[in-house]
C-alpha atoms as a PDB file:
ATOM      1  CA  MET A   1      -0.050   0.037  -0.023  1.00  0.00           C
ATOM      2  CA  ALA A   2       1.447   3.421  -0.983  1.00  0.00           C
ATOM      3  CA  ILE A   3       1.011   6.587   1.068  1.00  0.00           C
ATOM      4  CA  ASN A   4       0.748   9.872  -0.814  1.00  0.00           C
ATOM      5  CA  ASN A   5       3.226  12.133   1.036  1.00  0.00           C
ATOM      6  CA  ILE A   6       1.751  15.185  -0.543  1.00  0.00           C
ATOM      7  CA  THR A   7      -1.851  14.832   0.664  1.00  0.00           C
ATOM      8  CA  GLY A   8      -1.662  11.799   2.937  1.00  0.00           C
ATOM      9  CA  ASN A   9      -4.107   9.682   0.867  1.00  0.00           C
ATOM     10  CA  THR A  10      -3.655   5.962   0.640  1.00  0.00           C
ATOM     11  CA  LEU A  11      -3.791   3.964  -2.569  1.00  0.00           C
ATOM     12  CA  LEU A  12      -6.578   1.398  -2.380  1.00  0.00           C
ATOM     13  CA  GLU A  13      -5.426  -1.967  -3.728  1.00  0.00           C
ATOM     14  CA  ALA A  14      -8.821  -2.973  -5.226  1.00  0.00           C
ATOM     15  CA  GLY A  15      -8.332  -0.984  -8.466  1.00  0.00           C
ATOM     16  CA  TYR A  16      -9.319   2.469  -7.169  1.00  0.00           C
ATOM     17  CA  PHE A  17      -7.251   5.565  -6.538  1.00  0.00           C
ATOM     18  CA  PRO A  18      -8.379   7.873  -3.759  1.00  0.00           C
ATOM     19  CA  PRO A  19     -10.695  10.642  -5.096  1.00  0.00           C
ATOM     20  CA  CYS A  20      -9.482  13.665  -6.944  1.00  0.00           C
ATOM     21  CA  ARG A  21     -10.968  17.055  -6.229  1.00  0.00           C
ATOM     22  CA  VAL A  22     -11.458  17.784  -9.947  1.00  0.00           C
ATOM     23  CA  ALA A  23     -10.823  16.385 -13.466  1.00  0.00           C
ATOM     24  CA  THR A  24      -9.542  18.526 -16.257  1.00  0.00           C
ATOM     25  CA  THR A  25     -11.976  19.648 -18.970  1.00  0.00           C
ATOM     26  CA  GLY A  26      -9.254  20.193 -21.569  1.00  0.00           C
ATOM     27  CA  PRO A  27      -5.476  20.540 -21.888  1.00  0.00           C
ATOM     28  CA  ILE A  28      -3.887  22.529 -19.082  1.00  0.00           C
ATOM     29  CA  THR A  29      -0.442  23.856 -18.094  1.00  0.00           C
ATOM     30  CA  LEU A  30       0.944  21.627 -15.343  1.00  0.00           C
ATOM     31  CA  ALA A  31       2.015  24.513 -13.061  1.00  0.00           C
ATOM     32  CA  GLY A  32       0.556  27.326 -11.056  1.00  0.00           C
ATOM     33  CA  ASP A  33      -2.645  28.124  -9.250  1.00  0.00           C
ATOM     34  CA  GLN A  34      -5.716  27.397 -11.471  1.00  0.00           C
ATOM     35  CA  THR A  35      -9.461  27.008 -11.590  1.00  0.00           C
ATOM     36  CA  ILE A  36     -10.521  23.778 -13.147  1.00  0.00           C
ATOM     37  CA  ASP A  37     -14.117  22.764 -13.872  1.00  0.00           C
ATOM     38  CA  GLY A  38     -15.274  25.722 -11.926  1.00  0.00           C
ATOM     39  CA  VAL A  39     -13.218  24.950  -8.797  1.00  0.00           C
ATOM     40  CA  ALA A  40     -10.348  27.156  -7.562  1.00  0.00           C
ATOM     41  CA  LEU A  41      -7.651  24.783  -6.526  1.00  0.00           C
ATOM     42  CA  ASN A  42      -5.488  24.892  -3.357  1.00  0.00           C
ATOM     43  CA  ASP A  43      -1.974  23.610  -2.986  1.00  0.00           C
ATOM     44  CA  GLY A  44      -2.057  19.776  -2.661  1.00  0.00           C
ATOM     45  CA  ASP A  45      -5.442  19.264  -4.281  1.00  0.00           C
ATOM     46  CA  ARG A  46      -5.483  16.027  -6.292  1.00  0.00           C
ATOM     47  CA  VAL A  47      -6.297  16.623 -10.001  1.00  0.00           C
ATOM     48  CA  LEU A  48      -7.105  14.017 -12.618  1.00  0.00           C
ATOM     49  CA  VAL A  49      -5.262  15.410 -15.682  1.00  0.00           C
ATOM     50  CA  ARG A  50      -6.831  13.503 -18.599  1.00  0.00           C
ATOM     51  CA  GLN A  51      -6.892  15.576 -21.701  1.00  0.00           C
ATOM     52  CA  GLN A  52      -3.350  16.647 -22.478  1.00  0.00           C
ATOM     53  CA  ALA A  53      -2.169  16.924 -26.115  1.00  0.00           C
ATOM     54  CA  ASP A  54       0.604  14.545 -25.053  1.00  0.00           C
ATOM     55  CA  ALA A  55      -1.266  11.772 -23.298  1.00  0.00           C
ATOM     56  CA  THR A  56       1.938  10.585 -21.657  1.00  0.00           C
ATOM     57  CA  THR A  57       1.677  13.556 -19.330  1.00  0.00           C
ATOM     58  CA  ASN A  58      -1.904  12.625 -18.181  1.00  0.00           C
ATOM     59  CA  GLY A  59      -2.348  11.207 -14.643  1.00  0.00           C
ATOM     60  CA  ILE A  60      -3.037  12.326 -11.136  1.00  0.00           C
ATOM     61  CA  TYR A  61      -1.178  15.379  -9.911  1.00  0.00           C
ATOM     62  CA  ALA A  62      -1.004  17.525  -6.880  1.00  0.00           C
ATOM     63  CA  ALA A  63      -1.816  21.151  -7.635  1.00  0.00           C
ATOM     64  CA  GLN A  64       0.599  23.817  -6.428  1.00  0.00           C
ATOM     65  CA  SER A  65       1.852  27.302  -7.226  1.00  0.00           C
ATOM     66  CA  GLY A  66       5.028  25.924  -8.966  1.00  0.00           C
ATOM     67  CA  THR A  67       5.359  23.028 -11.258  1.00  0.00           C
ATOM     68  CA  TRP A  68       2.825  20.291 -10.511  1.00  0.00           C
ATOM     69  CA  VAL A  69       4.062  16.801  -9.512  1.00  0.00           C
ATOM     70  CA  ARG A  70       2.454  13.376  -9.819  1.00  0.00           C
ATOM     71  CA  THR A  71       1.030  12.219  -6.470  1.00  0.00           C
ATOM     72  CA  THR A  72       3.208   9.441  -5.010  1.00  0.00           C
ATOM     73  CA  ASP A  73       0.352   6.987  -5.165  1.00  0.00           C
ATOM     74  CA  ALA A  74       0.142   7.558  -9.070  1.00  0.00           C
ATOM     75  CA  ALA A  75       3.727   8.052  -9.961  1.00  0.00           C
ATOM     76  CA  SER A  76       5.177   4.588 -10.625  1.00  0.00           C
ATOM     77  CA  ASN A  77       4.624   2.032 -13.362  1.00  0.00           C
ATOM     78  CA  SER A  78       3.104  -0.587 -11.016  1.00  0.00           C
ATOM     79  CA  GLN A  79       0.377   1.822  -9.780  1.00  0.00           C
ATOM     80  CA  PHE A  80      -1.369   2.131 -13.141  1.00  0.00           C
ATOM     81  CA  PHE A  81      -3.137  -0.553 -15.184  1.00  0.00           C
ATOM     82  CA  ASP A  82      -6.090  -0.822 -17.458  1.00  0.00           C
ATOM     83  CA  GLY A  83      -9.269  -0.467 -15.499  1.00  0.00           C
ATOM     84  CA  MET A  84      -7.890   1.553 -12.544  1.00  0.00           C
ATOM     85  CA  ARG A  85     -10.609   4.030 -11.463  1.00  0.00           C
ATOM     86  CA  VAL A  86     -10.786   7.314  -9.723  1.00  0.00           C
ATOM     87  CA  ALA A  87     -13.734   9.275  -8.472  1.00  0.00           C
ATOM     88  CA  ILE A  88     -14.119  13.103  -8.750  1.00  0.00           C
ATOM     89  CA  ALA A  89     -15.413  15.116  -5.803  1.00  0.00           C
ATOM     90  CA  ARG A  90     -16.121  18.478  -7.246  1.00  0.00           C
ATOM     91  CA  GLY A  91     -16.726  20.388 -10.516  1.00  0.00           C
ATOM     92  CA  THR A  92     -19.375  21.829 -12.778  1.00  0.00           C
ATOM     93  CA  LEU A  93     -19.193  18.934 -15.248  1.00  0.00           C
ATOM     94  CA  TYR A  94     -17.571  16.119 -13.256  1.00  0.00           C
ATOM     95  CA  THR A  95     -18.941  16.114  -9.709  1.00  0.00           C
ATOM     96  CA  ALA A  96     -19.517  12.462  -8.548  1.00  0.00           C
ATOM     97  CA  GLN A  97     -18.148  11.094 -11.902  1.00  0.00           C
ATOM     98  CA  SER A  98     -15.952   8.127 -11.991  1.00  0.00           C
ATOM     99  CA  PHE A  99     -13.100   7.732 -14.593  1.00  0.00           C
ATOM    100  CA  GLN A 100     -11.275   4.590 -15.660  1.00  0.00           C
ATOM    101  CA  CYS A 101      -7.804   4.280 -17.007  1.00  0.00           C
ATOM    102  CA  THR A 102      -8.029   2.734 -20.488  1.00  0.00           C
ATOM    103  CA  CYS A 103      -4.301   2.417 -21.208  1.00  0.00           C
ATOM    104  CA  THR A 104      -3.658  -1.156 -22.355  1.00  0.00           C
ATOM    105  CA  ASP A 105       0.124  -1.115 -22.074  1.00  0.00           C
ATOM    106  CA  ASP A 106       1.332  -3.939 -19.972  1.00  0.00           C
ATOM    107  CA  PRO A 107       3.298  -2.786 -18.043  1.00  0.00           C
ATOM    108  CA  VAL A 108       2.347   0.938 -18.032  1.00  0.00           C
ATOM    109  CA  VAL A 109       5.453   3.062 -18.210  1.00  0.00           C
ATOM    110  CA  ILE A 110       4.998   6.504 -16.674  1.00  0.00           C
ATOM    111  CA  GLY A 111       6.214   9.132 -19.148  1.00  0.00           C
ATOM    112  CA  SER A 112       6.013   6.736 -22.111  1.00  0.00           C
ATOM    113  CA  SER A 113       2.579   5.143 -22.041  1.00  0.00           C
ATOM    114  CA  GLU A 114      -0.390   7.180 -23.106  1.00  0.00           C
ATOM    115  CA  LEU A 115      -2.523   7.339 -20.028  1.00  0.00           C
ATOM    116  CA  THR A 116      -6.157   7.690 -21.247  1.00  0.00           C
ATOM    117  CA  PHE A 117      -9.320   7.961 -19.089  1.00  0.00           C
ATOM    118  CA  GLU A 118     -12.908   7.614 -19.920  1.00  0.00           C
ATOM    119  CA  THR A 119     -16.055   8.338 -17.904  1.00  0.00           C
ATOM    120  CA  VAL A 120     -17.631   5.197 -16.523  1.00  0.00           C
ATOM    121  CA  GLY A 121     -20.587   6.767 -14.812  1.00  0.00           C
ATOM    122  CA  GLU A 122     -21.941   8.714 -11.938  1.00  0.00           C
ATOM    123  CA  LEU A 123     -21.108   7.540  -8.429  1.00  0.00           C
ATOM    124  CA  GLN A 124     -23.838   6.544  -6.016  1.00  0.00           C
ATOM    125  CA  THR A 125     -23.829   9.156  -3.476  1.00  0.00           C
ATOM    126  CA  SER A 126     -25.640   9.807  -0.221  1.00  0.00           C
ATOM    127  CA  SER A 127     -26.022  13.144   1.354  1.00  0.00           C
ATOM    128  CA  GLN A 128     -25.751  13.730   5.094  1.00  0.00           C
ATOM    129  CA  GLN A 129     -25.128  17.112   6.544  1.00  0.00           C
ATOM    130  CA  GLY A 130     -24.140  18.055  10.028  1.00  0.00           C
ATOM    131  CA  THR A 131     -22.201  20.537  12.005  1.00  0.00           C
ATOM    132  CA  SER A 132     -19.349  19.605  14.271  1.00  0.00           C
ATOM    133  CA  THR A 133     -18.550  21.389  17.444  1.00  0.00           C
ATOM    134  CA  THR A 134     -15.167  19.697  17.385  1.00  0.00           C
ATOM    135  CA  ALA A 135     -12.123  21.708  16.192  1.00  0.00           C
ATOM    136  CA  LEU A 136     -10.095  19.956  13.445  1.00  0.00           C
ATOM    137  CA  VAL A 137      -6.495  20.717  12.604  1.00  0.00           C
ATOM    138  CA  VAL A 138      -5.892  19.765   8.947  1.00  0.00           C
ATOM    139  CA  GLN A 139      -3.279  16.977   8.895  1.00  0.00           C
ATOM    140  CA  THR A 140      -2.752  13.508   7.598  1.00  0.00           C
ATOM    141  CA  GLY A 141      -3.941  10.552   9.705  1.00  0.00           C
ATOM    142  CA  SER A 142      -7.047  10.086  11.712  1.00  0.00           C
ATOM    143  CA  ALA A 143      -9.468  12.770  12.889  1.00  0.00           C
ATOM    144  CA  THR A 144     -12.450  12.567  15.145  1.00  0.00           C
ATOM    145  CA  LEU A 145     -15.470  14.950  14.752  1.00  0.00           C
ATOM    146  CA  ALA A 146     -18.575  14.993  16.940  1.00  0.00           C
ATOM    147  CA  THR A 147     -21.863  15.533  15.004  1.00  0.00           C
ATOM    148  CA  GLN A 148     -25.486  15.553  15.824  1.00  0.00           C
ATOM    149  CA  ALA A 149     -27.356  12.366  16.716  1.00  0.00           C
ATOM    150  CA  GLY A 150     -28.581  10.286  13.853  1.00  0.00           C
ATOM    151  CA  ILE A 151     -25.649  11.081  11.490  1.00  0.00           C
ATOM    152  CA  ASP A 152     -23.730   7.909  10.811  1.00  0.00           C
ATOM    153  CA  PHE A 153     -20.536   7.486   8.771  1.00  0.00           C
ATOM    154  CA  ASN A 154     -18.947   4.165   8.013  1.00  0.00           C
ATOM    155  CA  VAL A 155     -15.281   3.320   8.540  1.00  0.00           C
ATOM    156  CA  ASN A 156     -13.294   3.896   5.317  1.00  0.00           C
ATOM    157  CA  GLN A 157     -16.099   6.002   3.854  1.00  0.00           C
ATOM    158  CA  TRP A 158     -14.920   9.048   1.916  1.00  0.00           C
ATOM    159  CA  VAL A 159     -16.488  12.271   3.217  1.00  0.00           C
ATOM    160  CA  LEU A 160     -16.217  15.834   2.077  1.00  0.00           C
ATOM    161  CA  ILE A 161     -15.682  18.324   4.965  1.00  0.00           C
ATOM    162  CA  TYR A 162     -15.963  22.019   4.677  1.00  0.00           C
ATOM    163  CA  ASP A 163     -14.313  24.426   7.033  1.00  0.00           C
ATOM    164  CA  ALA A 164     -16.176  27.415   8.554  1.00  0.00           C
ATOM    165  CA  GLY A 165     -15.074  29.498   5.488  1.00  0.00           C
ATOM    166  CA  GLY A 166     -16.696  27.023   2.984  1.00  0.00           C
ATOM    167  CA  ASN A 167     -13.439  25.481   1.892  1.00  0.00           C
ATOM    168  CA  ALA A 168     -13.619  21.718   1.101  1.00  0.00           C
ATOM    169  CA  LEU A 169     -11.266  19.287   2.819  1.00  0.00           C
ATOM    170  CA  ASP A 170     -11.438  15.662   1.505  1.00  0.00           C
ATOM    171  CA  ARG A 171     -11.175  13.130   4.359  1.00  0.00           C
ATOM    172  CA  LYS A 172     -11.783   9.508   4.812  1.00  0.00           C
ATOM    173  CA  SER A 173     -13.780   8.550   7.872  1.00  0.00           C
END
């Protein structure tokens, strides 16, 4: 199991990458602060880059003010294969969409293989909303939040948490 040292996410070994905040809607420059699919990105946000003119530069990147880098859970040849999926958390076009890697190279060679992705459908979502009175320091690892009675989250369920300013923080319960 690989740990993403940029955002602290864990690669799931069942053929799924941890969710990305957004997916690109066309070719982009892999550097600098950007708004993609209507979402202003923060440093460290996971981005599915999927429509570059040079498909060998497609993949999962961590947004940052300088040059973007591939996330550590999506940077080596053994981490990609035909059928790997990733869910998208936000965006005007791609909220709750799932994308599947369609590169048939065996093995995939990062930087040489054309990493292509296609939409495989909308994710099943459930909506629960609550307010926590617990303070949370953003960090990797476990966090505990107290919510109102009747709100139930499952272990290993991905949740989207917003801070008091309305900024999204992706977390796994």
